[in-house]
Protein backbone atom coordinates (compact mmCIF):
# COMPACT_ATOMS: atom_id res chain seq x y z
CA MET A 1 0.00 0.00 0.00
CA THR A 2 1.44 3.37 -1.00
CA ALA A 3 1.71 6.30 1.36
CA ARG A 4 -0.97 8.10 -0.65
CA VAL A 5 -3.38 5.16 -0.31
CA ARG A 6 -2.67 4.86 3.42
CA ALA A 7 -3.34 8.55 3.88
CA ARG A 8 -6.55 8.27 1.87
CA THR A 9 -7.66 5.30 3.99
CA ARG A 10 -7.02 7.21 7.20
CA THR A 11 -8.99 10.16 5.84
CA LEU A 12 -11.93 7.95 4.94
CA THR A 13 -11.87 6.27 8.35
CA VAL A 14 -11.92 9.61 10.14
CA ALA A 15 -14.73 10.78 7.84
CA ALA A 16 -16.72 7.64 8.61
CA ALA A 17 -16.28 8.07 12.33
CA THR A 18 -17.28 11.72 12.05
CA ALA A 19 -20.38 10.74 10.08
CA ALA A 20 -21.36 8.24 12.77
CA LEU A 21 -20.86 10.77 15.54
CA THR A 22 -22.78 13.43 13.62
CA ALA A 23 -25.66 11.00 13.09
CA VAL A 24 -25.82 10.24 16.79
CA THR A 25 -25.66 13.90 17.78
CA ALA A 26 -28.60 14.57 15.48
CA VAL A 27 -30.85 11.80 16.81
CA VAL A 28 -30.08 11.50 20.53
CA PRO A 29 -32.52 13.90 22.22
CA ALA A 30 -31.99 15.85 25.39
CA HIS A 31 -33.20 13.73 28.30
CA ALA A 32 -36.48 14.66 29.88
CA THR A 33 -36.38 16.46 33.16
CA ALA A 34 -38.58 16.41 36.21
CA PRO A 35 -38.30 19.45 38.48
CA GLY A 36 -38.74 18.46 42.08
CA HIS A 37 -37.46 14.89 41.78
CA HIS A 38 -35.06 15.89 44.55
CA ALA A 39 -35.01 19.24 46.26
CA SER A 40 -32.22 21.24 44.60
CA ALA A 41 -31.23 18.07 42.76
CA PRO A 42 -30.22 17.37 39.18
CA THR A 43 -33.03 16.84 36.72
CA THR A 44 -31.09 14.92 34.07
CA LEU A 45 -29.72 11.40 34.40
CA PHE A 46 -26.04 10.49 34.40
CA THR A 47 -24.39 8.70 31.49
CA PRO A 48 -21.34 6.70 32.65
CA PRO A 49 -18.40 5.73 30.44
CA ALA A 50 -19.29 2.95 28.01
CA ASN A 51 -18.15 -0.65 28.19
CA GLN A 52 -14.77 -0.66 26.44
CA ASP A 53 -15.83 -3.59 24.28
CA ALA A 54 -18.77 -1.51 23.09
CA ASN A 55 -16.31 1.11 21.90
CA LYS A 56 -14.32 -1.60 20.11
CA GLN A 57 -17.48 -2.76 18.36
CA ILE A 58 -18.27 0.78 17.24
CA LEU A 59 -14.77 1.23 15.78
CA ASP A 60 -14.98 -2.13 14.04
CA LEU A 61 -18.33 -1.21 12.51
CA VAL A 62 -16.89 2.08 11.28
CA LYS A 63 -13.88 0.26 9.85
CA HIS A 64 -16.24 -1.96 7.84
CA TRP A 65 -18.36 1.01 6.70
CA GLN A 66 -21.40 -0.12 8.69
CA LEU A 67 -22.00 3.48 9.70
CA LYS A 68 -25.66 3.31 10.71
CA ASP A 69 -24.96 0.35 12.98
CA ALA A 70 -21.98 2.19 14.44
CA ALA A 71 -24.16 5.23 15.06
CA GLY A 72 -26.82 3.04 16.66
CA VAL A 73 -24.48 1.32 19.10
CA LEU A 74 -22.90 4.67 19.89
CA ALA A 75 -26.31 6.21 20.55
CA MET A 76 -27.10 3.30 22.86
CA THR A 77 -23.92 3.86 24.88
CA LEU A 78 -24.57 7.61 25.08
CA THR A 79 -27.93 7.02 26.75
CA PRO A 80 -28.05 7.38 30.58
CA GLN A 81 -27.54 4.05 32.31
CA ALA A 82 -26.96 2.70 35.80
CA VAL A 83 -23.53 2.13 37.28
CA TRP A 84 -23.21 -1.29 38.91
CA PHE A 85 -21.25 -1.97 42.08
CA ASP A 86 -20.92 -5.66 42.88
CA GLY A 87 -18.37 -5.94 45.68
CA GLY A 88 -15.10 -7.76 45.32
CA THR A 89 -13.04 -4.86 46.63
CA ALA A 90 -11.98 -3.61 50.04
CA PRO A 91 -14.23 -1.02 51.69
CA ASP A 92 -11.83 1.84 50.90
CA ALA A 93 -11.81 0.89 47.21
CA THR A 94 -15.61 0.67 47.20
CA ARG A 95 -15.91 4.09 48.81
CA ALA A 96 -13.51 5.56 46.26
CA ALA A 97 -15.30 3.97 43.30
CA VAL A 98 -18.70 5.22 44.43
CA ASP A 99 -17.28 8.66 45.16
CA LYS A 100 -15.76 8.80 41.65
CA THR A 101 -19.11 8.08 40.00
CA VAL A 102 -21.14 10.43 42.18
CA THR A 103 -18.55 13.18 41.80
CA ALA A 104 -18.56 12.82 38.00
CA ALA A 105 -22.35 13.09 38.01
CA ALA A 106 -22.32 16.09 40.34
CA LEU A 107 -19.83 17.95 38.12
CA ARG A 108 -22.32 17.62 35.25
CA HIS A 109 -25.28 18.34 37.55
CA GLN A 110 -26.71 14.92 36.67
CA LEU A 111 -28.41 12.26 38.77
CA PRO A 112 -26.52 8.95 38.98
CA VAL A 113 -28.34 5.63 39.29
CA LEU A 114 -26.34 3.16 41.38
CA ALA A 115 -27.23 -0.53 41.15
CA LEU A 116 -25.89 -2.24 44.27
CA TYR A 117 -25.35 -5.96 43.80
CA ASN A 118 -23.42 -7.63 46.60
CA ILE A 119 -25.98 -9.39 48.81
CA PRO A 120 -24.74 -12.68 50.32
CA GLY A 121 -25.89 -15.66 48.23
CA ARG A 122 -27.02 -13.49 45.33
CA ASP A 123 -28.70 -15.09 42.32
CA CYS A 124 -29.01 -18.38 44.24
CA ALA A 125 -25.37 -19.13 43.23
CA GLN A 126 -26.32 -19.24 39.53
CA TYR A 127 -25.19 -17.06 36.59
CA SER A 128 -24.33 -14.02 38.71
CA ALA A 129 -23.21 -15.89 41.82
CA GLY A 130 -21.09 -14.12 44.39
CA GLY A 131 -21.75 -11.38 46.87
CA ALA A 132 -20.49 -10.66 50.35
CA ALA A 133 -19.44 -13.60 52.49
CA ASP A 134 -21.81 -12.81 55.36
CA THR A 135 -23.98 -10.14 56.90
CA ALA A 136 -21.14 -8.35 58.66
CA GLU A 137 -19.14 -8.05 55.43
CA TYR A 138 -22.23 -6.82 53.61
CA GLN A 139 -22.95 -4.17 56.21
CA ALA A 140 -19.35 -2.94 56.00
CA TRP A 141 -19.74 -2.71 52.22
CA ILE A 142 -22.96 -0.73 52.52
CA ASP A 143 -21.23 1.61 54.98
CA ALA A 144 -18.51 2.17 52.35
CA VAL A 145 -21.14 2.92 49.70
CA LYS A 146 -22.76 5.38 52.09
CA ALA A 147 -19.45 7.13 52.67
CA GLY A 148 -18.83 7.31 48.93
CA ILE A 149 -22.19 8.96 48.25
CA GLY A 150 -21.90 11.52 51.02
CA ASN A 151 -24.37 14.34 50.60
CA ARG A 152 -24.62 14.13 46.79
CA PRO A 153 -27.86 13.05 45.08
CA ALA A 154 -28.21 9.45 43.89
CA ASP A 155 -30.95 6.96 43.10
CA ILE A 156 -30.24 3.49 44.47
CA VAL A 157 -31.46 0.28 42.86
CA LEU A 158 -30.79 -1.97 45.81
CA GLU A 159 -29.86 -5.60 45.16
CA PRO A 160 -31.69 -6.89 42.07
CA ASP A 161 -33.47 -10.22 42.67
CA SER A 162 -32.79 -10.05 46.39
CA LEU A 163 -36.46 -10.24 47.43
CA ALA A 164 -37.95 -11.93 44.38
CA LEU A 165 -35.34 -14.69 44.71
CA LEU A 166 -34.95 -15.38 48.42
CA PRO A 167 -32.74 -18.17 49.79
CA SER A 168 -35.94 -20.04 50.63
CA ASP A 169 -36.91 -19.96 46.94
CA CYS A 170 -33.89 -21.92 45.78
CA GLY A 171 -33.12 -24.47 48.48
CA MET A 172 -30.37 -22.41 50.11
CA ASP A 173 -32.09 -22.06 53.49
CA ASP A 174 -32.33 -24.24 56.59
CA ALA A 175 -35.53 -25.41 58.25
CA GLN A 176 -35.59 -22.34 60.48
CA GLY A 177 -35.37 -19.90 57.56
CA THR A 178 -32.15 -18.42 58.92
CA ARG A 179 -30.75 -17.21 55.60
CA THR A 180 -34.04 -15.71 54.46
CA ALA A 181 -34.36 -13.83 57.75
CA ALA A 182 -30.79 -12.60 57.29
CA ARG A 183 -31.64 -11.47 53.74
CA TYR A 184 -34.49 -9.31 54.98
CA ALA A 185 -32.27 -7.85 57.70
CA GLU A 186 -29.50 -7.07 55.19
CA ILE A 187 -31.86 -5.26 52.85
CA HIS A 188 -33.39 -3.31 55.72
CA TYR A 189 -29.92 -2.37 56.98
CA ALA A 190 -29.06 -0.93 53.57
CA VAL A 191 -32.33 1.00 53.39
CA ASP A 192 -31.77 2.46 56.85
CA ALA A 193 -28.19 3.42 55.98
CA LEU A 194 -28.79 4.98 52.56
CA GLU A 195 -32.32 6.45 52.46
CA PRO A 196 -31.59 9.17 55.05
CA LEU A 197 -28.72 10.59 52.97
CA ALA A 198 -29.45 14.02 51.52
CA GLY A 199 -30.89 13.64 48.03
CA THR A 200 -30.70 9.84 47.98
CA LYS A 201 -33.67 7.65 47.11
CA VAL A 202 -33.63 3.89 47.69
CA TYR A 203 -35.78 1.43 45.72
CA ILE A 204 -35.97 -2.25 46.65
CA ASP A 205 -36.71 -5.37 44.64
CA ALA A 206 -40.22 -6.28 43.49
CA GLY A 207 -39.27 -8.55 40.57
CA HIS A 208 -41.64 -8.12 37.64
CA SER A 209 -45.19 -8.78 36.53
CA GLY A 210 -44.43 -12.19 35.05
CA TRP A 211 -42.95 -13.55 38.26
CA HIS A 212 -44.55 -13.17 41.71
CA SER A 213 -48.17 -12.31 42.33
CA VAL A 214 -48.93 -9.02 44.05
CA ASN A 215 -50.08 -11.03 47.07
CA ASP A 216 -46.66 -12.69 47.34
CA ILE A 217 -44.34 -9.76 46.61
CA VAL A 218 -46.01 -7.21 48.88
CA PRO A 219 -45.20 -9.07 52.15
CA ARG A 220 -41.62 -9.46 50.93
CA LEU A 221 -41.38 -5.71 50.31
CA VAL A 222 -42.74 -5.00 53.77
CA ALA A 223 -40.28 -7.43 55.38
CA GLY A 224 -37.43 -5.85 53.42
CA GLY A 225 -38.17 -2.36 54.75
CA VAL A 226 -40.14 -0.68 51.97
CA ASP A 227 -41.86 1.48 54.58
CA ASP A 228 -38.51 3.20 55.16
CA ALA A 229 -37.51 3.35 51.47
CA THR A 230 -38.72 5.64 48.71
CA GLY A 231 -40.23 2.62 47.00
CA TYR A 232 -39.43 -0.36 44.82
CA TYR A 233 -38.25 -1.21 41.31
CA LEU A 234 -39.58 -3.43 38.55
CA ASN A 235 -38.31 -5.36 35.54
CA ILE A 236 -34.57 -5.17 36.24
CA SER A 237 -32.78 -7.07 33.44
CA ASN A 238 -36.14 -8.28 32.11
CA TYR A 239 -38.45 -7.61 29.19
CA ARG A 240 -41.98 -6.93 30.41
CA ALA A 241 -43.90 -4.34 28.38
CA ASP A 242 -44.43 -0.83 29.75
CA SER A 243 -48.21 -1.19 30.01
CA GLU A 244 -47.83 -4.44 31.93
CA ILE A 245 -45.30 -2.86 34.29
CA ALA A 246 -47.55 0.14 34.89
CA TRP A 247 -50.55 -2.01 35.83
CA TYR A 248 -48.46 -4.23 38.10
CA GLY A 249 -46.96 -1.14 39.74
CA THR A 250 -50.43 0.28 40.34
CA LEU A 251 -51.50 -2.96 41.99
CA VAL A 252 -48.35 -3.28 44.13
CA SER A 253 -48.43 0.33 45.34
CA SER A 254 -52.15 0.10 46.07
CA CYS A 255 -51.73 -3.13 47.98
CA LEU A 256 -48.87 -1.64 50.00
CA ALA A 257 -51.17 1.26 50.93
CA TYR A 258 -53.93 -1.18 51.85
CA VAL A 259 -51.57 -3.21 54.05
CA SER A 260 -50.21 -0.04 55.66
CA ALA A 261 -53.78 0.79 56.68
CA GLY A 262 -54.17 -2.62 58.33
CA GLY A 263 -55.32 -4.79 55.45
CA ASP A 264 -54.12 -8.24 54.44
CA ALA A 265 -52.06 -8.56 51.26
CA ALA A 266 -53.83 -11.84 50.51
CA ALA A 267 -57.02 -9.86 49.80
CA CYS A 268 -55.45 -7.56 47.21
CA PRO A 269 -56.15 -8.00 43.51
CA ASN A 270 -53.19 -9.34 41.57
CA GLN A 271 -52.07 -9.04 37.97
CA TRP A 272 -54.15 -12.05 36.90
CA TRP A 273 -57.46 -10.64 38.02
CA ALA A 274 -59.86 -9.28 35.41
CA VAL A 275 -58.89 -5.62 35.09
CA ASN A 276 -62.39 -4.28 35.75
CA ASP A 277 -62.74 -6.44 38.87
CA ALA A 278 -59.38 -5.22 40.14
CA LYS A 279 -60.26 -1.58 39.50
CA ALA A 280 -63.56 -2.00 41.35
CA TRP A 281 -61.76 -3.55 44.34
CA LEU A 282 -59.21 -0.73 44.43
CA ALA A 283 -61.94 1.91 44.26
CA ALA A 284 -63.74 0.31 47.20
CA ASN A 285 -60.73 -0.46 49.40
CA VAL A 286 -57.83 1.91 48.69
CA HIS A 287 -58.30 5.61 49.34
CA THR A 288 -54.68 6.75 49.54
CA ALA A 289 -53.65 9.40 47.02
CA PRO A 290 -50.88 8.31 44.61
CA ALA A 291 -48.54 10.98 46.01
CA ALA A 292 -48.75 9.29 49.41
CA MET A 293 -48.21 5.75 48.08
CA LYS A 294 -44.90 4.02 47.55
CA HIS A 295 -43.53 4.81 44.10
CA TYR A 296 -41.44 2.71 41.76
CA VAL A 297 -38.88 2.91 38.97
CA ALA A 298 -38.79 0.55 36.00
CA ASP A 299 -36.00 -0.84 33.82
CA THR A 300 -36.89 -0.22 30.16
CA SER A 301 -33.45 -0.98 28.72
CA ARG A 302 -34.49 -4.06 26.72
CA ASN A 303 -38.29 -4.23 26.73
CA GLY A 304 -39.06 -2.49 23.44
CA GLN A 305 -40.38 -5.73 21.93
CA GLY A 306 -41.77 -7.12 25.18
CA PRO A 307 -40.93 -10.60 26.48
CA TRP A 308 -39.84 -13.49 24.28
CA THR A 309 -42.27 -16.39 23.84
CA PRO A 310 -40.20 -19.59 23.55
CA PRO A 311 -41.28 -22.23 21.05
CA ALA A 312 -43.69 -24.65 22.68
CA GLY A 313 -42.36 -28.03 23.74
CA VAL A 314 -38.80 -27.48 22.55
CA TYR A 315 -36.83 -26.77 25.74
CA SER A 316 -37.01 -28.30 29.19
CA ASP A 317 -35.97 -24.89 30.58
CA ALA A 318 -36.33 -22.17 27.94
CA GLN A 319 -34.71 -19.49 30.15
CA ASP A 320 -36.86 -16.79 28.60
CA TRP A 321 -34.98 -14.18 30.66
CA CYS A 322 -31.55 -15.19 29.33
CA ASN A 323 -30.38 -13.42 26.15
CA PRO A 324 -33.71 -13.99 24.39
CA PRO A 325 -33.53 -13.39 20.64
CA GLY A 326 -35.17 -10.56 18.78
CA ARG A 327 -35.49 -8.11 21.66
CA GLY A 328 -35.12 -4.32 21.36
CA LEU A 329 -34.25 -1.26 23.37
CA GLY A 330 -37.23 0.24 25.17
CA ALA A 331 -38.30 3.71 26.26
CA ARG A 332 -35.45 6.15 26.82
CA PRO A 333 -34.57 6.91 30.43
CA THR A 334 -36.54 9.81 31.86
CA LEU A 335 -37.63 11.36 35.13
CA ARG A 336 -40.85 12.54 33.55
CA THR A 337 -43.00 9.42 33.13
CA GLY A 338 -46.54 10.83 33.14
CA ASP A 339 -47.48 8.27 35.80
CA PRO A 340 -47.85 9.59 39.37
CA LEU A 341 -46.56 6.31 40.78
CA GLU A 342 -43.59 5.85 38.44
CA ASP A 343 -40.66 8.06 39.42
CA ALA A 344 -38.47 7.12 36.46
CA LYS A 345 -37.90 4.91 33.49
CA LEU A 346 -34.28 3.80 33.68
CA TRP A 347 -31.77 1.69 31.81
CA VAL A 348 -30.50 -0.38 34.72
CA LYS A 349 -29.34 -3.51 32.93
CA ILE A 350 -26.59 -2.33 30.57
CA PRO A 351 -27.95 -3.11 27.09
CA GLY A 352 -25.41 -5.10 25.10
CA GLU A 353 -24.03 -6.97 28.11
CA SER A 354 -24.82 -10.69 28.22
CA ASP A 355 -27.15 -12.34 30.73
CA GLY A 356 -24.91 -15.42 30.76
CA GLN A 357 -24.22 -18.59 28.83
CA CYS A 358 -27.74 -19.75 28.08
CA THR A 359 -28.21 -23.44 27.20
CA ARG A 360 -32.01 -23.62 27.72
CA GLY A 361 -31.94 -27.05 29.34
CA THR A 362 -29.69 -28.60 26.69
CA ALA A 363 -26.21 -30.03 27.19
CA GLY A 364 -24.69 -26.87 25.72
CA PRO A 365 -22.33 -25.13 25.50
CA ASP A 366 -24.12 -23.41 22.58
CA ASP A 367 -27.26 -21.36 23.00
CA PRO A 368 -29.63 -23.41 20.81
CA GLU A 369 -31.61 -20.30 19.87
CA ARG A 370 -28.49 -18.68 18.48
CA GLY A 371 -26.32 -21.57 17.36
CA TYR A 372 -23.24 -20.38 19.24
CA GLN A 373 -22.05 -19.90 22.79
CA ASP A 374 -23.20 -16.74 24.55
CA PRO A 375 -20.66 -14.59 26.41
CA ALA A 376 -20.43 -14.95 30.18
CA ALA A 377 -22.71 -12.80 32.32
CA GLY A 378 -21.74 -9.14 32.11
CA LYS A 379 -19.52 -9.52 29.05
CA TRP A 380 -20.23 -7.53 25.90
CA PHE A 381 -22.44 -9.35 23.38
CA PRO A 382 -21.98 -7.67 19.98
CA GLN A 383 -24.69 -9.63 18.19
CA GLN A 384 -27.24 -8.85 20.87
CA ALA A 385 -26.20 -5.19 20.94
CA LEU A 386 -27.11 -4.92 17.26
CA GLU A 387 -30.39 -6.76 17.82
CA LEU A 388 -31.34 -4.27 20.51
CA VAL A 389 -30.52 -1.32 18.26
CA HIS A 390 -32.30 -2.75 15.20
CA ASN A 391 -35.45 -3.68 17.17
CA ALA A 392 -35.62 -0.59 19.40
CA ASP A 393 -39.10 0.74 20.12
CA PRO A 394 -39.17 3.69 19.96
CA ALA A 395 -36.58 3.62 17.19
CA LEU A 396 -33.11 4.72 18.19
CA LEU A 397 -32.20 6.11 14.77
CA PRO A 398 -34.35 7.47 11.93
């Protein structure tokens, strides 16, 4: 290759990258604001640095002249997302890491979303196994997170799956329920440590509308300390549609209000009731204004196409939550939802990062829906990243 050709190639590559960046700048809107979300608090959400493998994918797409795909993945990474903290470091390192994120957000006058994921026995020792060794270690970690936040604003998504997937749900408990009792105490400790911080809101785990009934999740929320938290979150790392989330959230918040007034969660309507029957029950039994109810936030990072319906009779365990094919990015993160019970739509699960190596009940190691092996949990998944961009609803690019 001559020097002239090399120079021309470099020029074209820079031009392609510039075109991709220009396209993204043109189509990524300013993020909606919500005055009053926190007193004297930021009204835009924080965008953390992208996964480095996402940046590599963008450059590779540019190199191969796939400019619209490059622009799409770039737009996805430039959208506000949560920052995950999952332990594995000494308390001082945890404090410093949290402080770095919250400081970066404060310098931009943006609100960071921190997903805390270090509960002992997390994920029932499955795809995202790990967490603190015991309650004392977990409490020390939470204290370090608290110190890192200080008096800066932050929204906390506290321990995904911690209440929807208790030790008692997966055979990890003893006959006395010791580990489940410890789980509730750990969540409550974190709520009590973090919620009082100036400008900090804590949301605890309520799973999603395709998992536990309202009657089952509400007592878990109460035991986990929801009375002392801002509220709860829905659909983390899952795919339930916005309308389904909104109805489930209405039912959960209403049932929490009913229980707070002395009612029994077993009497509440759940998501499988006929809608008109449920609405009639709520009108007759719940008189709390939405502003006084517990609110929620929802993960819309990958729910643009709703949940995946596995082929009937094919898999012994279809793992419909695990890298399902054909999904798309959902509603953009915002603090202005139009729903008095929903404080925010957030991208909590980082879109483009794998759920794990999904074998769907087969011997593996390939994902039979894809014909190849999925990346490990948390690793960048280029094929899925493009799926999410291509199938986004609303569309990410024109």
